[in-house]
Amino acid sequence: MSDFKVEVVRVGPLSKHPNADSLSLVQVFDYPVIVRTDDFHEGDLAVYVPVESVVPDTPDWEFLQGHRRIKAKRLRGTFSMGLLVKAPAGAIVGHDVAEQLGIVKYEEPPSLSFGGEDERDPQYMPVYTDIESFRRYHDVLLDAEEVVVTEKIHGANCRFTFRDDRLWVGSHKCIKREDRNNLFWRAAIVADLRNKLSLHPGLVLYGEVFGQVQDLKYGAGPGQIFFRAFDMFDPEKGSYLDWNEVESLAKQMDIPLVPVLYRSAWGGIKDGCFSSLCSGPSTIDGADNMLEGVVVKPIHERWDERVGRVILKLLSQEYLLRKHGTEYR
């Protein structure tokens, strides 16, 4: 149920930037945001413009000097995510002012062509869960509950099911007609999913195809792709499977899963240790690139009124800065 919000917030304590007298650091939810010290005081109302927002091309935003897409960056050595601006008149804490301010969420242009034609959606395999940010909703995890933390792989999200005596293959949002040159059908062939999923008709498998797909290559040679599964859905029950069942079925079908980085009580890792998992190199065998990030969810599926299905992601600083992390001084 991922929701894009440009939210009115109350400014918290400001801490001095270690390398700039005119700058300070503010925590908004759990996002570090650098501001000009003279612009804000603790208790002020402000608007938090999150990373991957696009602001309008109007005089109000001229101070960004044409950089309309809000990105994570380092400012004199300190990491910052998003932007704080003065709240409009009449603003109320918690209100979403995206429409009022003309701010929209950045959408990747359709520059990655994976080939193949679309076909009708049989309504067998739901589009995968939109995953909320750990920084915004970390408090939905309970200290005593067992969680699993897995590596988030940078590739292309896909889904598969065997039903009506055939394999159905989909990208994140489209169902793809059979085509051996299409990326997602290639992944199905690489992982032998037609034969493996025929053992469990109707089961929906979600995974990532990666390698020679995006800018992180994971050690893939020319034209080489890999596949790792990360979730399963039972359409009869209308629910995702608990992680134990995902692991059991994946082992039974010999389907590789994303790497597990941690599995135990959330309370044993939440204070500092969790964020340390989200840095350094990928743990995929043969990979030669950074970790994109991590995904954390309870071992037993759970629903929360704020986020829907409880599953959260945390992207690494290195990943966020890899293309546009200019060091501003």
C-alpha atoms as a PDB file:
ATOM      1  CA  MET A   1       0.000   0.000   0.000  1.00  0.00           C
ATOM      2  CA  SER A   2       3.013   2.253  -0.505  1.00  0.00           C
ATOM      3  CA  ASP A   3       1.883   5.849  -0.188  1.00  0.00           C
ATOM      4  CA  PHE A   4       3.772   8.894  -1.402  1.00  0.00           C
ATOM      5  CA  LYS A   5       3.387  11.795   0.998  1.00  0.00           C
ATOM      6  CA  VAL A   6       4.779  15.295   1.273  1.00  0.00           C
ATOM      7  CA  GLU A   7       3.965  15.712   4.913  1.00  0.00           C
ATOM      8  CA  VAL A   8       3.713  18.635   7.308  1.00  0.00           C
ATOM      9  CA  VAL A   9       6.001  17.980  10.281  1.00  0.00           C
ATOM     10  CA  ARG A  10       7.086  19.620  13.501  1.00  0.00           C
ATOM     11  CA  VAL A  11      10.815  20.384  13.418  1.00  0.00           C
ATOM     12  CA  GLY A  12      12.707  18.554  16.126  1.00  0.00           C
ATOM     13  CA  PRO A  13      16.056  19.343  17.744  1.00  0.00           C
ATOM     14  CA  LEU A  14      18.760  20.722  15.457  1.00  0.00           C
ATOM     15  CA  SER A  15      22.317  19.458  15.786  1.00  0.00           C
ATOM     16  CA  LYS A  16      25.240  21.371  14.345  1.00  0.00           C
ATOM     17  CA  HIS A  17      26.738  20.070  11.120  1.00  0.00           C
ATOM     18  CA  PRO A  18      30.277  18.884  11.959  1.00  0.00           C
ATOM     19  CA  ASN A  19      31.835  20.601   8.940  1.00  0.00           C
ATOM     20  CA  ALA A  20      29.718  23.688   8.293  1.00  0.00           C
ATOM     21  CA  ASP A  21      28.833  26.458  10.728  1.00  0.00           C
ATOM     22  CA  SER A  22      25.793  27.540   8.712  1.00  0.00           C
ATOM     23  CA  LEU A  23      24.227  24.068   8.491  1.00  0.00           C
ATOM     24  CA  SER A  24      22.408  21.823  10.953  1.00  0.00           C
ATOM     25  CA  LEU A  25      21.045  18.278  10.953  1.00  0.00           C
ATOM     26  CA  VAL A  26      17.422  17.410  11.770  1.00  0.00           C
ATOM     27  CA  GLN A  27      15.851  13.950  12.061  1.00  0.00           C
ATOM     28  CA  VAL A  28      12.495  13.787  10.280  1.00  0.00           C
ATOM     29  CA  PHE A  29      10.907  10.458  11.177  1.00  0.00           C
ATOM     30  CA  ASP A  30      14.185   8.553  10.822  1.00  0.00           C
ATOM     31  CA  TYR A  31      15.521  10.469   7.815  1.00  0.00           C
ATOM     32  CA  PRO A  32      18.587  12.693   8.340  1.00  0.00           C
ATOM     33  CA  VAL A  33      17.954  16.080   6.723  1.00  0.00           C
ATOM     34  CA  ILE A  34      20.470  18.926   6.478  1.00  0.00           C
ATOM     35  CA  VAL A  35      19.060  22.449   6.683  1.00  0.00           C
ATOM     36  CA  ARG A  36      20.410  25.980   6.891  1.00  0.00           C
ATOM     37  CA  THR A  37      20.592  26.693  10.594  1.00  0.00           C
ATOM     38  CA  ASP A  38      18.969  30.122  10.309  1.00  0.00           C
ATOM     39  CA  ASP A  39      15.960  28.773   8.392  1.00  0.00           C
ATOM     40  CA  PHE A  40      14.435  26.638  11.149  1.00  0.00           C
ATOM     41  CA  HIS A  41      14.045  26.431  14.910  1.00  0.00           C
ATOM     42  CA  GLU A  42      12.866  23.517  16.988  1.00  0.00           C
ATOM     43  CA  GLY A  43       9.070  23.482  17.066  1.00  0.00           C
ATOM     44  CA  ASP A  44       8.588  25.182  13.696  1.00  0.00           C
ATOM     45  CA  LEU A  45       6.150  23.738  11.192  1.00  0.00           C
ATOM     46  CA  ALA A  46       7.812  22.541   7.988  1.00  0.00           C
ATOM     47  CA  VAL A  47       7.144  20.347   4.986  1.00  0.00           C
ATOM     48  CA  TYR A  48       9.260  17.261   4.464  1.00  0.00           C
ATOM     49  CA  VAL A  49       9.877  16.631   0.761  1.00  0.00           C
ATOM     50  CA  PRO A  50      11.162  13.045   0.508  1.00  0.00           C
ATOM     51  CA  VAL A  51      13.811  11.612  -1.772  1.00  0.00           C
ATOM     52  CA  GLU A  52      12.489  10.863  -5.286  1.00  0.00           C
ATOM     53  CA  SER A  53      10.060  13.768  -5.222  1.00  0.00           C
ATOM     54  CA  VAL A  54       9.841  16.088  -8.223  1.00  0.00           C
ATOM     55  CA  VAL A  55       9.048  19.707  -7.422  1.00  0.00           C
ATOM     56  CA  PRO A  56       7.355  22.045  -9.921  1.00  0.00           C
ATOM     57  CA  ASP A  57       9.253  24.371 -12.215  1.00  0.00           C
ATOM     58  CA  THR A  58       8.094  27.543 -10.473  1.00  0.00           C
ATOM     59  CA  PRO A  59       9.813  30.503  -8.805  1.00  0.00           C
ATOM     60  CA  ASP A  60       9.180  29.001  -5.348  1.00  0.00           C
ATOM     61  CA  TRP A  61      11.772  26.327  -6.121  1.00  0.00           C
ATOM     62  CA  GLU A  62      14.383  28.440  -7.900  1.00  0.00           C
ATOM     63  CA  PHE A  63      16.741  27.973  -4.961  1.00  0.00           C
ATOM     64  CA  LEU A  64      17.288  24.392  -6.162  1.00  0.00           C
ATOM     65  CA  GLN A  65      18.894  25.801  -9.321  1.00  0.00           C
ATOM     66  CA  GLY A  66      17.023  23.497 -11.647  1.00  0.00           C
ATOM     67  CA  HIS A  67      17.551  20.304  -9.593  1.00  0.00           C
ATOM     68  CA  ARG A  68      13.843  19.493  -9.424  1.00  0.00           C
ATOM     69  CA  ARG A  69      14.255  15.827  -8.522  1.00  0.00           C
ATOM     70  CA  ILE A  70      15.063  15.487  -4.826  1.00  0.00           C
ATOM     71  CA  LYS A  71      17.907  13.033  -4.225  1.00  0.00           C
ATOM     72  CA  ALA A  72      19.963  11.677  -1.375  1.00  0.00           C
ATOM     73  CA  LYS A  73      23.356  13.365  -1.157  1.00  0.00           C
ATOM     74  CA  ARG A  74      26.279  14.164   1.053  1.00  0.00           C
ATOM     75  CA  LEU A  75      26.737  17.749   2.139  1.00  0.00           C
ATOM     76  CA  ARG A  76      30.291  18.317   3.314  1.00  0.00           C
ATOM     77  CA  GLY A  77      30.667  14.707   4.342  1.00  0.00           C
ATOM     78  CA  THR A  78      27.282  14.221   6.020  1.00  0.00           C
ATOM     79  CA  PHE A  79      24.471  12.133   4.542  1.00  0.00           C
ATOM     80  CA  SER A  80      21.130  13.839   3.920  1.00  0.00           C
ATOM     81  CA  MET A  81      17.817  12.471   2.644  1.00  0.00           C
ATOM     82  CA  GLY A  82      15.170  14.849   1.400  1.00  0.00           C
ATOM     83  CA  LEU A  83      14.392  18.484   1.915  1.00  0.00           C
ATOM     84  CA  LEU A  84      12.702  20.654   4.552  1.00  0.00           C
ATOM     85  CA  VAL A  85      10.850  23.781   3.446  1.00  0.00           C
ATOM     86  CA  LYS A  86       8.637  26.251   5.252  1.00  0.00           C
ATOM     87  CA  ALA A  87       5.075  25.060   5.770  1.00  0.00           C
ATOM     88  CA  PRO A  88       2.316  26.929   3.907  1.00  0.00           C
ATOM     89  CA  ALA A  89      -0.162  29.045   5.818  1.00  0.00           C
ATOM     90  CA  GLY A  90      -2.748  27.000   7.683  1.00  0.00           C
ATOM     91  CA  ALA A  91      -0.683  23.799   7.545  1.00  0.00           C
ATOM     92  CA  ILE A  92      -1.464  21.078  10.079  1.00  0.00           C
ATOM     93  CA  VAL A  93       0.991  18.422  11.266  1.00  0.00           C
ATOM     94  CA  GLY A  94       0.437  15.152   9.440  1.00  0.00           C
ATOM     95  CA  HIS A  95      -1.334  16.632   6.436  1.00  0.00           C
ATOM     96  CA  ASP A  96      -0.158  15.646   2.958  1.00  0.00           C
ATOM     97  CA  VAL A  97       0.458  18.816   0.927  1.00  0.00           C
ATOM     98  CA  ALA A  98       1.886  17.197  -2.224  1.00  0.00           C
ATOM     99  CA  GLU A  99      -1.034  18.288  -4.398  1.00  0.00           C
ATOM    100  CA  GLN A 100      -1.137  21.751  -2.867  1.00  0.00           C
ATOM    101  CA  LEU A 101       2.558  22.300  -3.601  1.00  0.00           C
ATOM    102  CA  GLY A 102       2.508  20.579  -6.989  1.00  0.00           C
ATOM    103  CA  ILE A 103       4.970  17.871  -5.941  1.00  0.00           C
ATOM    104  CA  VAL A 104       4.811  14.419  -7.501  1.00  0.00           C
ATOM    105  CA  LYS A 105       6.686  11.159  -7.074  1.00  0.00           C
ATOM    106  CA  TYR A 106       9.495  10.529  -9.535  1.00  0.00           C
ATOM    107  CA  GLU A 107       8.764   7.695 -11.950  1.00  0.00           C
ATOM    108  CA  GLU A 108      11.558   5.960 -13.818  1.00  0.00           C
ATOM    109  CA  PRO A 109      11.192   6.540 -17.564  1.00  0.00           C
ATOM    110  CA  PRO A 110      10.557   3.412 -19.613  1.00  0.00           C
ATOM    111  CA  SER A 111      14.178   3.300 -20.743  1.00  0.00           C
ATOM    112  CA  LEU A 112      14.742  -0.345 -19.811  1.00  0.00           C
ATOM    113  CA  SER A 113      13.270  -2.446 -22.574  1.00  0.00           C
ATOM    114  CA  PHE A 114      12.966  -6.082 -21.586  1.00  0.00           C
ATOM    115  CA  GLY A 115      11.251  -7.129 -24.801  1.00  0.00           C
ATOM    116  CA  GLY A 116       8.172  -9.196 -25.465  1.00  0.00           C
ATOM    117  CA  GLU A 117       4.489  -8.472 -25.887  1.00  0.00           C
ATOM    118  CA  ASP A 118       1.936  -8.236 -23.112  1.00  0.00           C
ATOM    119  CA  GLU A 119      -1.008 -10.615 -22.877  1.00  0.00           C
ATOM    120  CA  ARG A 120      -4.249 -10.616 -20.930  1.00  0.00           C
ATOM    121  CA  ASP A 121      -3.969 -10.708 -17.177  1.00  0.00           C
ATOM    122  CA  PRO A 122      -5.586 -13.942 -15.906  1.00  0.00           C
ATOM    123  CA  GLN A 123      -5.997 -12.382 -12.464  1.00  0.00           C
ATOM    124  CA  TYR A 124      -4.117 -15.323 -10.940  1.00  0.00           C
ATOM    125  CA  MET A 125      -1.025 -13.483  -9.758  1.00  0.00           C
ATOM    126  CA  PRO A 126      -1.362 -10.151  -7.920  1.00  0.00           C
ATOM    127  CA  VAL A 127       1.150  -7.366  -8.432  1.00  0.00           C
ATOM    128  CA  TYR A 128       3.689  -7.644  -5.637  1.00  0.00           C
ATOM    129  CA  THR A 129       3.372  -5.682  -2.417  1.00  0.00           C
ATOM    130  CA  ASP A 130       4.589  -2.080  -2.467  1.00  0.00           C
ATOM    131  CA  ILE A 131       7.177  -2.039   0.317  1.00  0.00           C
ATOM    132  CA  GLU A 132       7.280   0.903   2.710  1.00  0.00           C
ATOM    133  CA  SER A 133      10.454   2.523   4.026  1.00  0.00           C
ATOM    134  CA  PHE A 134      11.952   1.207   7.251  1.00  0.00           C
ATOM    135  CA  ARG A 135      13.022   4.732   8.154  1.00  0.00           C
ATOM    136  CA  ARG A 136       9.406   5.879   8.162  1.00  0.00           C
ATOM    137  CA  TYR A 137       7.692   2.873   9.743  1.00  0.00           C
ATOM    138  CA  HIS A 138      10.274   0.958  11.801  1.00  0.00           C
ATOM    139  CA  ASP A 139       8.011   1.127  14.843  1.00  0.00           C
ATOM    140  CA  VAL A 140       5.536  -1.371  13.337  1.00  0.00           C
ATOM    141  CA  LEU A 141       8.007  -4.182  14.112  1.00  0.00           C
ATOM    142  CA  LEU A 142       7.626  -5.759  17.561  1.00  0.00           C
ATOM    143  CA  ASP A 143      10.634  -6.517  19.765  1.00  0.00           C
ATOM    144  CA  ALA A 144       9.574 -10.072  20.553  1.00  0.00           C
ATOM    145  CA  GLU A 145       8.583 -11.172  17.064  1.00  0.00           C
ATOM    146  CA  GLU A 146      10.928 -13.209  14.940  1.00  0.00           C
ATOM    147  CA  VAL A 147      11.928 -11.481  11.713  1.00  0.00           C
ATOM    148  CA  VAL A 148      13.907 -12.357   8.634  1.00  0.00           C
ATOM    149  CA  VAL A 149      16.231  -9.863   6.944  1.00  0.00           C
ATOM    150  CA  THR A 150      17.104 -10.574   3.323  1.00  0.00           C
ATOM    151  CA  GLU A 151      19.297  -8.875   0.766  1.00  0.00           C
ATOM    152  CA  LYS A 152      17.439  -6.584  -1.640  1.00  0.00           C
ATOM    153  CA  ILE A 153      18.726  -7.239  -5.147  1.00  0.00           C
ATOM    154  CA  HIS A 154      18.928  -4.583  -7.868  1.00  0.00           C
ATOM    155  CA  GLY A 155      17.275  -6.050 -10.943  1.00  0.00           C
ATOM    156  CA  ALA A 156      13.744  -6.462 -12.239  1.00  0.00           C
ATOM    157  CA  ASN A 157      10.799  -7.687 -10.167  1.00  0.00           C
ATOM    158  CA  CYS A 158       8.875 -10.585 -11.714  1.00  0.00           C
ATOM    159  CA  ARG A 159       6.177 -13.169 -10.928  1.00  0.00           C
ATOM    160  CA  PHE A 160       5.287 -16.651 -12.090  1.00  0.00           C
ATOM    161  CA  THR A 161       2.596 -19.286 -11.655  1.00  0.00           C
ATOM    162  CA  PHE A 162       1.705 -22.606 -13.261  1.00  0.00           C
ATOM    163  CA  ARG A 163      -2.005 -22.885 -13.906  1.00  0.00           C
ATOM    164  CA  ASP A 164      -4.340 -24.149 -16.642  1.00  0.00           C
ATOM    165  CA  ASP A 165      -1.562 -26.465 -17.835  1.00  0.00           C
ATOM    166  CA  ARG A 166       0.774 -23.611 -18.668  1.00  0.00           C
ATOM    167  CA  LEU A 167       3.297 -21.248 -17.119  1.00  0.00           C
ATOM    168  CA  TRP A 168       2.245 -17.639 -16.680  1.00  0.00           C
ATOM    169  CA  VAL A 169       5.049 -15.067 -16.576  1.00  0.00           C
ATOM    170  CA  GLY A 170       4.818 -11.435 -15.534  1.00  0.00           C
ATOM    171  CA  SER A 171       6.944  -8.388 -14.952  1.00  0.00           C
ATOM    172  CA  HIS A 172       6.072  -6.243 -11.967  1.00  0.00           C
ATOM    173  CA  LYS A 173       2.912  -4.901 -13.622  1.00  0.00           C
ATOM    174  CA  CYS A 174       2.373  -6.748 -16.920  1.00  0.00           C
ATOM    175  CA  ILE A 175       1.755 -10.346 -18.009  1.00  0.00           C
ATOM    176  CA  LYS A 176       4.177 -11.305 -20.776  1.00  0.00           C
ATOM    177  CA  ARG A 177       3.399 -13.484 -23.780  1.00  0.00           C
ATOM    178  CA  GLU A 178       5.788 -16.422 -24.160  1.00  0.00           C
ATOM    179  CA  ASP A 179       8.990 -15.272 -25.829  1.00  0.00           C
ATOM    180  CA  ARG A 180      12.423 -16.779 -25.234  1.00  0.00           C
ATOM    181  CA  ASN A 181      14.006 -13.386 -25.885  1.00  0.00           C
ATOM    182  CA  ASN A 182      11.960 -11.643 -23.194  1.00  0.00           C
ATOM    183  CA  LEU A 183      13.908 -11.068 -19.973  1.00  0.00           C
ATOM    184  CA  PHE A 184      11.295 -12.609 -17.700  1.00  0.00           C
ATOM    185  CA  TRP A 185      10.795 -15.696 -19.846  1.00  0.00           C
ATOM    186  CA  ARG A 186      14.581 -16.047 -19.957  1.00  0.00           C
ATOM    187  CA  ALA A 187      14.568 -16.016 -16.148  1.00  0.00           C
ATOM    188  CA  ALA A 188      11.870 -18.695 -16.131  1.00  0.00           C
ATOM    189  CA  ILE A 189      14.005 -20.840 -18.435  1.00  0.00           C
ATOM    190  CA  VAL A 190      17.205 -20.257 -16.426  1.00  0.00           C
ATOM    191  CA  ALA A 191      15.430 -21.351 -13.230  1.00  0.00           C
ATOM    192  CA  ASP A 192      13.386 -24.138 -14.914  1.00  0.00           C
ATOM    193  CA  LEU A 193      10.225 -22.665 -13.430  1.00  0.00           C
ATOM    194  CA  ARG A 194       7.786 -24.398 -15.762  1.00  0.00           C
ATOM    195  CA  ASN A 195       8.728 -27.808 -14.394  1.00  0.00           C
ATOM    196  CA  LYS A 196       9.280 -26.701 -10.811  1.00  0.00           C
ATOM    197  CA  LEU A 197       6.065 -24.730 -10.382  1.00  0.00           C
ATOM    198  CA  SER A 198       4.017 -27.471 -12.053  1.00  0.00           C
ATOM    199  CA  LEU A 199       4.563 -29.384  -8.806  1.00  0.00           C
ATOM    200  CA  HIS A 200       2.444 -26.752  -7.023  1.00  0.00           C
ATOM    201  CA  PRO A 201      -0.186 -25.474  -9.493  1.00  0.00           C
ATOM    202  CA  GLY A 202      -1.597 -22.087  -8.580  1.00  0.00           C
ATOM    203  CA  LEU A 203       1.255 -21.065  -6.286  1.00  0.00           C
ATOM    204  CA  VAL A 204       2.536 -17.591  -7.223  1.00  0.00           C
ATOM    205  CA  LEU A 205       6.289 -17.088  -7.051  1.00  0.00           C
ATOM    206  CA  TYR A 206       7.882 -13.643  -6.823  1.00  0.00           C
ATOM    207  CA  GLY A 207      11.526 -12.972  -7.517  1.00  0.00           C
ATOM    208  CA  GLU A 208      14.219 -10.795  -9.019  1.00  0.00           C
ATOM    209  CA  VAL A 209      15.982 -11.295 -12.337  1.00  0.00           C
ATOM    210  CA  PHE A 210      19.377  -9.609 -12.234  1.00  0.00           C
ATOM    211  CA  GLY A 211      22.869  -9.603 -13.676  1.00  0.00           C
ATOM    212  CA  GLN A 212      23.062  -7.909 -17.067  1.00  0.00           C
ATOM    213  CA  VAL A 213      19.831  -6.093 -16.267  1.00  0.00           C
ATOM    214  CA  GLN A 214      20.635  -2.825 -14.480  1.00  0.00           C
ATOM    215  CA  ASP A 215      23.758  -0.924 -13.441  1.00  0.00           C
ATOM    216  CA  LEU A 216      24.734  -3.373 -10.675  1.00  0.00           C
ATOM    217  CA  LYS A 217      25.861  -6.545 -12.487  1.00  0.00           C
ATOM    218  CA  TYR A 218      26.578  -9.032  -9.661  1.00  0.00           C
ATOM    219  CA  GLY A 219      29.547 -10.469 -11.567  1.00  0.00           C
ATOM    220  CA  ALA A 220      27.459 -11.447 -14.606  1.00  0.00           C
ATOM    221  CA  GLY A 221      29.198 -11.947 -17.910  1.00  0.00           C
ATOM    222  CA  PRO A 222      27.914 -10.568 -21.241  1.00  0.00           C
ATOM    223  CA  GLY A 223      24.213 -11.347 -21.616  1.00  0.00           C
ATOM    224  CA  GLN A 224      24.162 -13.384 -18.388  1.00  0.00           C
ATOM    225  CA  ILE A 225      21.224 -13.205 -15.980  1.00  0.00           C
ATOM    226  CA  PHE A 226      20.431 -14.770 -12.612  1.00  0.00           C
ATOM    227  CA  PHE A 227      17.233 -15.385 -10.661  1.00  0.00           C
ATOM    228  CA  ARG A 228      16.429 -15.415  -6.949  1.00  0.00           C
ATOM    229  CA  ALA A 229      12.969 -15.812  -5.429  1.00  0.00           C
ATOM    230  CA  PHE A 230      11.883 -13.727  -2.444  1.00  0.00           C
ATOM    231  CA  ASP A 231       8.208 -14.492  -1.789  1.00  0.00           C
ATOM    232  CA  MET A 232       5.226 -16.726  -2.510  1.00  0.00           C
ATOM    233  CA  PHE A 233       1.470 -16.129  -2.557  1.00  0.00           C
ATOM    234  CA  ASP A 234      -1.416 -18.586  -2.141  1.00  0.00           C
ATOM    235  CA  PRO A 235      -4.364 -17.308  -4.218  1.00  0.00           C
ATOM    236  CA  GLU A 236      -6.734 -19.809  -2.593  1.00  0.00           C
ATOM    237  CA  LYS A 237      -6.084 -18.306   0.833  1.00  0.00           C
ATOM    238  CA  GLY A 238      -5.542 -14.816  -0.563  1.00  0.00           C
ATOM    239  CA  SER A 239      -2.351 -14.377   1.440  1.00  0.00           C
ATOM    240  CA  TYR A 240       1.426 -14.513   1.266  1.00  0.00           C
ATOM    241  CA  LEU A 241       3.111 -17.533   2.807  1.00  0.00           C
ATOM    242  CA  ASP A 242       4.997 -17.403   6.093  1.00  0.00           C
ATOM    243  CA  TRP A 243       8.763 -17.396   5.545  1.00  0.00           C
ATOM    244  CA  ASN A 244       9.200 -20.934   6.905  1.00  0.00           C
ATOM    245  CA  GLU A 245       6.851 -22.235   4.236  1.00  0.00           C
ATOM    246  CA  VAL A 246       8.595 -20.182   1.542  1.00  0.00           C
ATOM    247  CA  GLU A 247      11.933 -21.726   2.532  1.00  0.00           C
ATOM    248  CA  SER A 248      10.463 -25.227   2.657  1.00  0.00           C
ATOM    249  CA  LEU A 249       8.809 -25.012  -0.758  1.00  0.00           C
ATOM    250  CA  ALA A 250      11.836 -23.350  -2.338  1.00  0.00           C
ATOM    251  CA  LYS A 251      14.054 -26.156  -1.068  1.00  0.00           C
ATOM    252  CA  GLN A 252      11.573 -28.782  -2.266  1.00  0.00           C
ATOM    253  CA  MET A 253      11.475 -27.234  -5.757  1.00  0.00           C
ATOM    254  CA  ASP A 254      15.190 -26.343  -5.822  1.00  0.00           C
ATOM    255  CA  ILE A 255      14.457 -22.659  -6.397  1.00  0.00           C
ATOM    256  CA  PRO A 256      17.189 -20.294  -5.129  1.00  0.00           C
ATOM    257  CA  LEU A 257      16.141 -17.631  -2.618  1.00  0.00           C
ATOM    258  CA  VAL A 258      17.580 -14.218  -1.882  1.00  0.00           C
ATOM    259  CA  PRO A 259      20.318 -14.348   0.790  1.00  0.00           C
ATOM    260  CA  VAL A 260      19.160 -14.320   4.413  1.00  0.00           C
ATOM    261  CA  LEU A 261      21.260 -11.903   6.479  1.00  0.00           C
ATOM    262  CA  TYR A 262      19.529 -12.308   9.836  1.00  0.00           C
ATOM    263  CA  ARG A 263      16.771 -14.372  11.398  1.00  0.00           C
ATOM    264  CA  SER A 264      15.812 -13.963  15.040  1.00  0.00           C
ATOM    265  CA  ALA A 265      13.888 -11.645  17.376  1.00  0.00           C
ATOM    266  CA  TRP A 266      13.613  -8.079  16.123  1.00  0.00           C
ATOM    267  CA  GLY A 267      14.589  -6.753  19.547  1.00  0.00           C
ATOM    268  CA  GLY A 268      18.000  -8.377  19.194  1.00  0.00           C
ATOM    269  CA  ILE A 269      18.975  -6.350  16.145  1.00  0.00           C
ATOM    270  CA  LYS A 270      16.938  -3.151  16.044  1.00  0.00           C
ATOM    271  CA  ASP A 271      19.363  -0.910  17.942  1.00  0.00           C
ATOM    272  CA  GLY A 272      22.108  -0.151  15.448  1.00  0.00           C
ATOM    273  CA  CYS A 273      22.822  -3.695  14.294  1.00  0.00           C
ATOM    274  CA  PHE A 274      20.086  -3.677  11.667  1.00  0.00           C
ATOM    275  CA  SER A 275      21.435  -0.638   9.821  1.00  0.00           C
ATOM    276  CA  SER A 276      24.897  -2.217   9.782  1.00  0.00           C
ATOM    277  CA  LEU A 277      23.481  -5.040   7.642  1.00  0.00           C
ATOM    278  CA  CYS A 278      22.629  -2.455   4.999  1.00  0.00           C
ATOM    279  CA  SER A 279      26.176  -1.610   3.900  1.00  0.00           C
ATOM    280  CA  GLY A 280      29.171  -3.155   2.244  1.00  0.00           C
ATOM    281  CA  PRO A 281      29.268  -5.590  -0.667  1.00  0.00           C
ATOM    282  CA  SER A 282      26.473  -7.795  -1.946  1.00  0.00           C
ATOM    283  CA  THR A 283      26.402 -11.265  -0.421  1.00  0.00           C
ATOM    284  CA  ILE A 284      25.425 -12.914  -3.740  1.00  0.00           C
ATOM    285  CA  ASP A 285      28.099 -15.445  -4.713  1.00  0.00           C
ATOM    286  CA  GLY A 286      30.383 -13.941  -7.338  1.00  0.00           C
ATOM    287  CA  ALA A 287      28.987 -10.420  -6.986  1.00  0.00           C
ATOM    288  CA  ASP A 288      31.421  -7.552  -7.376  1.00  0.00           C
ATOM    289  CA  ASN A 289      29.203  -4.653  -6.388  1.00  0.00           C
ATOM    290  CA  MET A 290      27.659  -2.920  -3.401  1.00  0.00           C
ATOM    291  CA  LEU A 291      24.587  -4.053  -1.518  1.00  0.00           C
ATOM    292  CA  GLU A 292      21.430  -2.320  -2.740  1.00  0.00           C
ATOM    293  CA  GLY A 293      19.726  -2.670   0.615  1.00  0.00           C
ATOM    294  CA  VAL A 294      17.765  -5.045   2.814  1.00  0.00           C
ATOM    295  CA  VAL A 295      14.172  -6.140   3.363  1.00  0.00           C
ATOM    296  CA  VAL A 296      12.813  -7.061   6.798  1.00  0.00           C
ATOM    297  CA  LYS A 297       9.526  -8.769   7.630  1.00  0.00           C
ATOM    298  CA  PRO A 298       8.077 -10.963  10.387  1.00  0.00           C
ATOM    299  CA  ILE A 299       8.528 -14.711   9.959  1.00  0.00           C
ATOM    300  CA  HIS A 300       4.763 -15.010  10.418  1.00  0.00           C
ATOM    301  CA  GLU A 301       2.764 -12.803   8.061  1.00  0.00           C
ATOM    302  CA  ARG A 302       1.097  -9.889   9.786  1.00  0.00           C
ATOM    303  CA  TRP A 303      -1.053  -6.898   8.875  1.00  0.00           C
ATOM    304  CA  ASP A 304      -0.796  -3.383  10.292  1.00  0.00           C
ATOM    305  CA  GLU A 305      -3.370  -0.643   9.753  1.00  0.00           C
ATOM    306  CA  ARG A 306      -0.640   1.912   8.922  1.00  0.00           C
ATOM    307  CA  VAL A 307       1.356  -0.012   6.328  1.00  0.00           C
ATOM    308  CA  GLY A 308      -0.841  -2.958   5.386  1.00  0.00           C
ATOM    309  CA  ARG A 309       1.296  -6.050   5.040  1.00  0.00           C
ATOM    310  CA  VAL A 310       4.266  -5.698   7.425  1.00  0.00           C
ATOM    311  CA  ILE A 311       7.341  -5.678   5.198  1.00  0.00           C
ATOM    312  CA  LEU A 312       9.885  -2.857   5.094  1.00  0.00           C
ATOM    313  CA  LYS A 313      12.971  -1.924   3.082  1.00  0.00           C
ATOM    314  CA  LEU A 314      16.129   0.014   3.864  1.00  0.00           C
ATOM    315  CA  LEU A 315      18.378   1.135   1.012  1.00  0.00           C
ATOM    316  CA  SER A 316      22.097   1.551   1.589  1.00  0.00           C
ATOM    317  CA  GLN A 317      23.701   4.982   1.509  1.00  0.00           C
ATOM    318  CA  GLU A 318      26.196   3.741  -1.076  1.00  0.00           C
ATOM    319  CA  TYR A 319      23.386   2.633  -3.363  1.00  0.00           C
ATOM    320  CA  LEU A 320      21.444   5.884  -3.000  1.00  0.00           C
ATOM    321  CA  LEU A 321      24.558   7.922  -3.751  1.00  0.00           C
ATOM    322  CA  ARG A 322      25.960   5.774  -6.559  1.00  0.00           C
ATOM    323  CA  LYS A 323      24.690   7.928  -9.431  1.00  0.00           C
ATOM    324  CA  HIS A 324      23.809  11.279  -7.972  1.00  0.00           C
ATOM    325  CA  GLY A 325      25.587  11.466  -4.648  1.00  0.00           C
ATOM    326  CA  THR A 326      27.642  14.514  -5.458  1.00  0.00           C
ATOM    327  CA  GLU A 327      29.630  15.786  -2.503  1.00  0.00           C
ATOM    328  CA  TYR A 328      28.306  19.308  -1.957  1.00  0.00           C
ATOM    329  CA  ARG A 329      30.581  21.740  -0.200  1.00  0.00           C
END
